[in-house]
Every structure is written in structure tokens, then in C-alpha cells.
Amino acid sequence: MGKYQLDYKGMQAVSKYHEKLKPAKFDKKQQLEKIRTAYLEKKQKQTDKSSE
């Protein structure tokens, strides 16, 4: 075992601390949907300009 061992209360405190610092979970589907809507808006603007 390691030199520094935590009791149960200490382990909970450490895990709670790391939960706070952990970045939000990356959601691939949401990211793809965001990119898709941005692309469609851009394409729509281009077709509006070309039709004028």
C-alpha cells in the first residue's frame, strides 16, 4: 500500500473534490447536432444570397 492512506471520510472528501473539478461530460450527439444546425444555417444564407 502507499505511504499516505486515507480513511473512508478522507476518501469521500477527495472524490467529492475531483467531481467538482471534472469537466462536463462530452456529449458527441449534442455536438454533432450543434455543428449540423450551424452548417444548415450557413447553407441557407448562401442559397438566399445566390437566389437574389
N, C-alpha and C. Protein backbone atom coordinates (compact mmCIF):
# COMPACT_ATOMS: atom_id res chain seq x y z
N MET A 1 0.84 -1.19 0.00
CA MET A 1 0.00 0.00 0.00
C MET A 1 0.88 1.25 0.00
N GLY A 2 0.27 2.36 -0.32
CA GLY A 2 1.01 3.61 -0.40
C GLY A 2 1.36 4.17 0.96
N LYS A 3 2.21 5.15 0.93
CA LYS A 3 2.67 5.77 2.17
C LYS A 3 1.54 6.54 2.85
N TYR A 4 0.73 7.23 2.05
CA TYR A 4 -0.36 8.04 2.60
C TYR A 4 -1.68 7.33 2.34
N GLN A 5 -2.32 6.89 3.38
CA GLN A 5 -3.60 6.21 3.24
C GLN A 5 -4.69 7.03 3.90
N LEU A 6 -5.82 7.15 3.24
CA LEU A 6 -6.94 7.93 3.75
C LEU A 6 -7.98 7.01 4.36
N ASP A 7 -8.63 7.49 5.39
CA ASP A 7 -9.76 6.74 5.93
C ASP A 7 -10.96 6.99 5.02
N TYR A 8 -12.08 6.38 5.35
CA TYR A 8 -13.27 6.47 4.49
C TYR A 8 -13.72 7.91 4.30
N LYS A 9 -13.71 8.69 5.38
CA LYS A 9 -14.15 10.09 5.32
C LYS A 9 -13.22 10.90 4.40
N GLY A 10 -11.94 10.64 4.49
CA GLY A 10 -10.97 11.33 3.64
C GLY A 10 -11.14 10.98 2.18
N MET A 11 -11.41 9.70 1.91
CA MET A 11 -11.61 9.27 0.52
C MET A 11 -12.85 9.94 -0.08
N GLN A 12 -13.90 10.09 0.72
CA GLN A 12 -15.11 10.75 0.24
C GLN A 12 -14.83 12.21 -0.10
N ALA A 13 -14.06 12.86 0.77
CA ALA A 13 -13.73 14.27 0.53
C ALA A 13 -12.93 14.43 -0.76
N VAL A 14 -11.99 13.54 -0.99
CA VAL A 14 -11.17 13.60 -2.21
C VAL A 14 -12.02 13.37 -3.44
N SER A 15 -12.90 12.36 -3.39
CA SER A 15 -13.73 12.07 -4.57
C SER A 15 -14.70 13.21 -4.85
N LYS A 16 -15.22 13.85 -3.80
CA LYS A 16 -16.12 14.99 -3.98
C LYS A 16 -15.38 16.15 -4.62
N TYR A 17 -14.14 16.38 -4.19
CA TYR A 17 -13.31 17.44 -4.75
C TYR A 17 -13.06 17.19 -6.24
N HIS A 18 -12.73 15.96 -6.60
CA HIS A 18 -12.46 15.65 -8.00
C HIS A 18 -13.72 15.71 -8.86
N GLU A 19 -14.86 15.39 -8.29
CA GLU A 19 -16.13 15.50 -9.03
C GLU A 19 -16.39 16.95 -9.43
N LYS A 20 -16.09 17.87 -8.53
CA LYS A 20 -16.30 19.29 -8.83
C LYS A 20 -15.39 19.76 -9.95
N LEU A 21 -14.15 19.28 -9.96
CA LEU A 21 -13.18 19.74 -10.94
C LEU A 21 -13.32 19.07 -12.29
N LYS A 22 -13.98 17.92 -12.34
CA LYS A 22 -14.11 17.18 -13.59
C LYS A 22 -14.96 17.97 -14.59
N PRO A 23 -14.49 18.14 -15.81
CA PRO A 23 -15.28 18.89 -16.79
C PRO A 23 -16.56 18.14 -17.13
N ALA A 24 -17.50 18.87 -17.65
CA ALA A 24 -18.79 18.27 -18.03
C ALA A 24 -18.54 17.18 -19.07
N LYS A 25 -19.32 16.13 -18.99
CA LYS A 25 -19.14 15.01 -19.90
C LYS A 25 -19.41 15.46 -21.34
N PHE A 26 -18.54 15.09 -22.22
CA PHE A 26 -18.65 15.48 -23.63
C PHE A 26 -19.74 14.65 -24.30
N ASP A 27 -20.73 15.32 -24.83
CA ASP A 27 -21.83 14.63 -25.48
C ASP A 27 -21.67 14.75 -26.99
N LYS A 28 -21.29 13.64 -27.61
CA LYS A 28 -20.99 13.65 -29.04
C LYS A 28 -22.22 13.94 -29.89
N LYS A 29 -23.36 13.36 -29.52
CA LYS A 29 -24.58 13.58 -30.31
C LYS A 29 -24.98 15.05 -30.27
N GLN A 30 -24.90 15.64 -29.10
CA GLN A 30 -25.27 17.05 -28.97
C GLN A 30 -24.32 17.93 -29.78
N GLN A 31 -23.03 17.61 -29.75
CA GLN A 31 -22.04 18.37 -30.50
C GLN A 31 -22.31 18.25 -32.01
N LEU A 32 -22.63 17.05 -32.48
CA LEU A 32 -22.92 16.87 -33.90
C LEU A 32 -24.17 17.64 -34.32
N GLU A 33 -25.17 17.63 -33.46
CA GLU A 33 -26.40 18.37 -33.76
C GLU A 33 -26.13 19.87 -33.86
N LYS A 34 -25.27 20.36 -32.98
CA LYS A 34 -24.90 21.78 -32.99
C LYS A 34 -24.19 22.14 -34.29
N ILE A 35 -23.24 21.30 -34.69
CA ILE A 35 -22.49 21.54 -35.93
C ILE A 35 -23.44 21.49 -37.13
N ARG A 36 -24.37 20.53 -37.11
CA ARG A 36 -25.31 20.35 -38.21
C ARG A 36 -26.20 21.57 -38.37
N THR A 37 -26.74 22.08 -37.27
CA THR A 37 -27.61 23.26 -37.36
C THR A 37 -26.83 24.47 -37.85
N ALA A 38 -25.58 24.63 -37.39
CA ALA A 38 -24.76 25.76 -37.85
C ALA A 38 -24.51 25.65 -39.36
N TYR A 39 -24.23 24.44 -39.82
CA TYR A 39 -23.99 24.21 -41.25
C TYR A 39 -25.23 24.52 -42.07
N LEU A 40 -26.38 24.05 -41.60
CA LEU A 40 -27.62 24.27 -42.35
C LEU A 40 -27.97 25.76 -42.41
N GLU A 41 -27.74 26.47 -41.32
CA GLU A 41 -28.00 27.91 -41.33
C GLU A 41 -27.09 28.62 -42.33
N LYS A 42 -25.81 28.24 -42.33
CA LYS A 42 -24.86 28.84 -43.25
C LYS A 42 -25.24 28.55 -44.70
N LYS A 43 -25.63 27.32 -44.96
CA LYS A 43 -26.03 26.92 -46.31
C LYS A 43 -27.29 27.69 -46.74
N GLN A 44 -28.22 27.86 -45.81
CA GLN A 44 -29.46 28.58 -46.11
C GLN A 44 -29.15 30.04 -46.47
N LYS A 45 -28.23 30.65 -45.75
CA LYS A 45 -27.85 32.04 -46.04
C LYS A 45 -27.21 32.14 -47.42
N GLN A 46 -26.38 31.15 -47.76
CA GLN A 46 -25.72 31.16 -49.07
C GLN A 46 -26.75 31.02 -50.19
N THR A 47 -27.75 30.16 -50.02
CA THR A 47 -28.75 29.98 -51.06
C THR A 47 -29.65 31.23 -51.17
N ASP A 48 -29.90 31.90 -50.05
CA ASP A 48 -30.68 33.14 -50.08
C ASP A 48 -29.94 34.22 -50.87
N LYS A 49 -28.65 34.33 -50.66
CA LYS A 49 -27.85 35.34 -51.38
C LYS A 49 -27.76 35.03 -52.86
N SER A 50 -27.61 33.76 -53.21
CA SER A 50 -27.44 33.41 -54.62
C SER A 50 -28.76 33.53 -55.41
N SER A 51 -29.90 33.39 -54.72
CA SER A 51 -31.17 33.49 -55.41
C SER A 51 -31.58 34.93 -55.71
N GLU A 52 -30.95 35.87 -55.01
CA GLU A 52 -31.30 37.28 -55.25
C GLU A 52 -30.67 37.83 -56.49
